[in-house]
């Protein structure tokens, strides 16, 4: 695969990650009163409890931007694993939100 195709593929994957992150931040801001009950990341839960939901949203967005910049500007050794890991995690998160928003029956067409 040529370098330009690899960079475009990675950029597309990171655009997906950014879109899911935007939905995640929107969800957190809308339902901040119950955030402690559904947050599964202990570090993010600590940030929420210590500094508030806005700080947690900033950390979330900042970490994704940092990871994307590192992955897109890194030599080939880091680029693929970082992109695959972030994409897989955000596919899981997107699936979770799809199940919450539409329910499993509507997704599979029942």
C-alpha atoms as a PDB file:
ATOM      1  CA  UNK A   1       0.000   0.000   0.000  1.00  0.00           C
ATOM      2  CA  UNK A   2       1.391   3.384  -0.939  1.00  0.00           C
ATOM      3  CA  UNK A   3       2.107   5.983   1.707  1.00  0.00           C
ATOM      4  CA  UNK A   4      -0.617   8.376   0.472  1.00  0.00           C
ATOM      5  CA  UNK A   5      -3.269   5.644   0.527  1.00  0.00           C
ATOM      6  CA  UNK A   6      -2.182   4.607   4.026  1.00  0.00           C
ATOM      7  CA  UNK A   7      -2.361   8.211   5.261  1.00  0.00           C
ATOM      8  CA  UNK A   8      -5.797   8.706   3.678  1.00  0.00           C
ATOM      9  CA  UNK A   9      -7.063   5.462   5.219  1.00  0.00           C
ATOM     10  CA  UNK A  10      -5.727   6.477   8.622  1.00  0.00           C
ATOM     11  CA  UNK A  11      -7.232   9.951   8.273  1.00  0.00           C
ATOM     12  CA  UNK A  12     -10.612   8.403   7.461  1.00  0.00           C
ATOM     13  CA  UNK A  13     -10.356   6.117  10.489  1.00  0.00           C
ATOM     14  CA  UNK A  14      -9.443   9.072  12.714  1.00  0.00           C
ATOM     15  CA  UNK A  15     -12.379  11.058  11.309  1.00  0.00           C
ATOM     16  CA  UNK A  16     -14.633   8.208  12.458  1.00  0.00           C
ATOM     17  CA  UNK A  17     -12.960   8.266  15.880  1.00  0.00           C
ATOM     18  CA  UNK A  18     -13.508  12.042  16.084  1.00  0.00           C
ATOM     19  CA  UNK A  19     -17.193  11.689  15.163  1.00  0.00           C
ATOM     20  CA  UNK A  20     -17.785   9.032  17.824  1.00  0.00           C
ATOM     21  CA  UNK A  21     -15.887  11.167  20.328  1.00  0.00           C
ATOM     22  CA  UNK A  22     -18.159  14.127  19.526  1.00  0.00           C
ATOM     23  CA  UNK A  23     -21.228  11.959  20.185  1.00  0.00           C
ATOM     24  CA  UNK A  24     -19.658  10.701  23.408  1.00  0.00           C
ATOM     25  CA  UNK A  25     -18.930  14.225  24.638  1.00  0.00           C
ATOM     26  CA  UNK A  26     -22.429  15.377  23.684  1.00  0.00           C
ATOM     27  CA  UNK A  27     -23.901  12.430  25.597  1.00  0.00           C
ATOM     28  CA  UNK A  28     -21.783  13.214  28.660  1.00  0.00           C
ATOM     29  CA  UNK A  29     -22.791  16.877  28.648  1.00  0.00           C
ATOM     30  CA  UNK A  30     -26.490  16.096  28.193  1.00  0.00           C
ATOM     31  CA  UNK A  31     -26.614  13.469  30.918  1.00  0.00           C
ATOM     32  CA  UNK A  32     -24.004  14.832  33.286  1.00  0.00           C
ATOM     33  CA  UNK A  33     -26.228  14.321  36.320  1.00  0.00           C
ATOM     34  CA  UNK A  34     -25.943  10.546  35.926  1.00  0.00           C
ATOM     35  CA  UNK A  35     -22.419  10.406  34.471  1.00  0.00           C
ATOM     36  CA  UNK A  36     -20.933   8.704  37.524  1.00  0.00           C
ATOM     37  CA  UNK A  37     -23.309   5.767  37.122  1.00  0.00           C
ATOM     38  CA  UNK A  38     -22.424   4.932  33.502  1.00  0.00           C
ATOM     39  CA  UNK A  39     -18.762   5.957  33.172  1.00  0.00           C
ATOM     40  CA  UNK A  40     -16.593   2.821  33.094  1.00  0.00           C
ATOM     41  CA  UNK A  41     -13.162   4.453  32.865  1.00  0.00           C
ATOM     42  CA  UNK A  42     -11.858   5.015  36.413  1.00  0.00           C
ATOM     43  CA  UNK A  43      -9.451   7.778  35.332  1.00  0.00           C
ATOM     44  CA  UNK A  44     -12.224   9.686  33.557  1.00  0.00           C
ATOM     45  CA  UNK A  45     -14.539   9.160  36.514  1.00  0.00           C
ATOM     46  CA  UNK A  46     -11.891  10.703  38.773  1.00  0.00           C
ATOM     47  CA  UNK A  47     -11.541  13.686  36.397  1.00  0.00           C
ATOM     48  CA  UNK A  48     -15.330  14.137  36.390  1.00  0.00           C
ATOM     49  CA  UNK A  49     -15.606  13.981  40.151  1.00  0.00           C
ATOM     50  CA  UNK A  50     -12.568  16.188  40.794  1.00  0.00           C
ATOM     51  CA  UNK A  51     -12.757  18.806  38.030  1.00  0.00           C
ATOM     52  CA  UNK A  52     -16.235  18.480  36.529  1.00  0.00           C
ATOM     53  CA  UNK A  53     -17.805  17.289  33.327  1.00  0.00           C
ATOM     54  CA  UNK A  54     -16.398  20.121  31.201  1.00  0.00           C
ATOM     55  CA  UNK A  55     -12.851  19.192  32.175  1.00  0.00           C
ATOM     56  CA  UNK A  56     -13.607  15.546  31.425  1.00  0.00           C
ATOM     57  CA  UNK A  57     -14.901  16.525  27.975  1.00  0.00           C
ATOM     58  CA  UNK A  58     -11.735  18.563  27.354  1.00  0.00           C
ATOM     59  CA  UNK A  59      -9.533  15.647  28.420  1.00  0.00           C
ATOM     60  CA  UNK A  60     -11.502  13.293  26.165  1.00  0.00           C
ATOM     61  CA  UNK A  61     -11.241  15.577  23.140  1.00  0.00           C
ATOM     62  CA  UNK A  62      -7.615  16.446  23.832  1.00  0.00           C
ATOM     63  CA  UNK A  63      -6.550  12.816  24.161  1.00  0.00           C
ATOM     64  CA  UNK A  64      -8.153  11.902  20.836  1.00  0.00           C
ATOM     65  CA  UNK A  65      -6.566  14.882  19.070  1.00  0.00           C
ATOM     66  CA  UNK A  66      -3.166  14.011  20.560  1.00  0.00           C
ATOM     67  CA  UNK A  67      -3.462  10.338  19.563  1.00  0.00           C
ATOM     68  CA  UNK A  68      -4.578  11.263  16.031  1.00  0.00           C
ATOM     69  CA  UNK A  69      -1.712  13.700  15.533  1.00  0.00           C
ATOM     70  CA  UNK A  70       0.820  11.178  16.802  1.00  0.00           C
ATOM     71  CA  UNK A  71      -0.616   8.401  14.644  1.00  0.00           C
ATOM     72  CA  UNK A  72      -0.860  10.484  11.488  1.00  0.00           C
ATOM     73  CA  UNK A  73       2.585  12.023  11.823  1.00  0.00           C
ATOM     74  CA  UNK A  74       4.415   8.958  13.153  1.00  0.00           C
ATOM     75  CA  UNK A  75       6.518   6.682  11.031  1.00  0.00           C
ATOM     76  CA  UNK A  76       4.879   3.421   9.979  1.00  0.00           C
ATOM     77  CA  UNK A  77       5.658   1.516  13.183  1.00  0.00           C
ATOM     78  CA  UNK A  78       3.200   3.439  15.404  1.00  0.00           C
ATOM     79  CA  UNK A  79       0.647   4.489  12.855  1.00  0.00           C
ATOM     80  CA  UNK A  80      -1.141   1.206  12.207  1.00  0.00           C
ATOM     81  CA  UNK A  81      -1.362  -0.117  15.790  1.00  0.00           C
ATOM     82  CA  UNK A  82      -2.510   3.217  17.216  1.00  0.00           C
ATOM     83  CA  UNK A  83      -5.101   3.700  14.499  1.00  0.00           C
ATOM     84  CA  UNK A  84      -6.403   0.130  14.756  1.00  0.00           C
ATOM     85  CA  UNK A  85      -6.655   0.286  18.533  1.00  0.00           C
ATOM     86  CA  UNK A  86      -8.470   3.624  18.550  1.00  0.00           C
ATOM     87  CA  UNK A  87     -10.792   2.564  15.737  1.00  0.00           C
ATOM     88  CA  UNK A  88     -11.666  -0.728  17.434  1.00  0.00           C
ATOM     89  CA  UNK A  89     -12.408   1.019  20.731  1.00  0.00           C
ATOM     90  CA  UNK A  90     -14.626   3.552  18.989  1.00  0.00           C
ATOM     91  CA  UNK A  91     -16.443   0.877  16.976  1.00  0.00           C
ATOM     92  CA  UNK A  92     -17.317  -0.685  20.330  1.00  0.00           C
ATOM     93  CA  UNK A  93     -18.429   2.704  21.683  1.00  0.00           C
ATOM     94  CA  UNK A  94     -20.471   3.461  18.546  1.00  0.00           C
ATOM     95  CA  UNK A  95     -22.152   0.053  18.826  1.00  0.00           C
ATOM     96  CA  UNK A  96     -22.976   0.753  22.463  1.00  0.00           C
ATOM     97  CA  UNK A  97     -24.566   4.079  21.556  1.00  0.00           C
ATOM     98  CA  UNK A  98     -26.485   2.460  18.687  1.00  0.00           C
ATOM     99  CA  UNK A  99     -27.906  -0.092  21.114  1.00  0.00           C
ATOM    100  CA  UNK A 100     -28.835   2.674  23.565  1.00  0.00           C
ATOM    101  CA  UNK A 101     -30.421   4.942  20.943  1.00  0.00           C
ATOM    102  CA  UNK A 102     -32.265   2.364  18.855  1.00  0.00           C
ATOM    103  CA  UNK A 103     -32.260  -0.838  20.883  1.00  0.00           C
ATOM    104  CA  UNK A 104     -31.086  -4.236  19.652  1.00  0.00           C
ATOM    105  CA  UNK A 105     -34.362  -5.182  17.963  1.00  0.00           C
ATOM    106  CA  UNK A 106     -34.449  -2.146  15.699  1.00  0.00           C
ATOM    107  CA  UNK A 107     -30.804  -2.610  14.702  1.00  0.00           C
ATOM    108  CA  UNK A 108     -31.295  -6.197  13.532  1.00  0.00           C
ATOM    109  CA  UNK A 109     -34.683  -5.437  11.984  1.00  0.00           C
ATOM    110  CA  UNK A 110     -37.076  -7.196  14.343  1.00  0.00           C
END
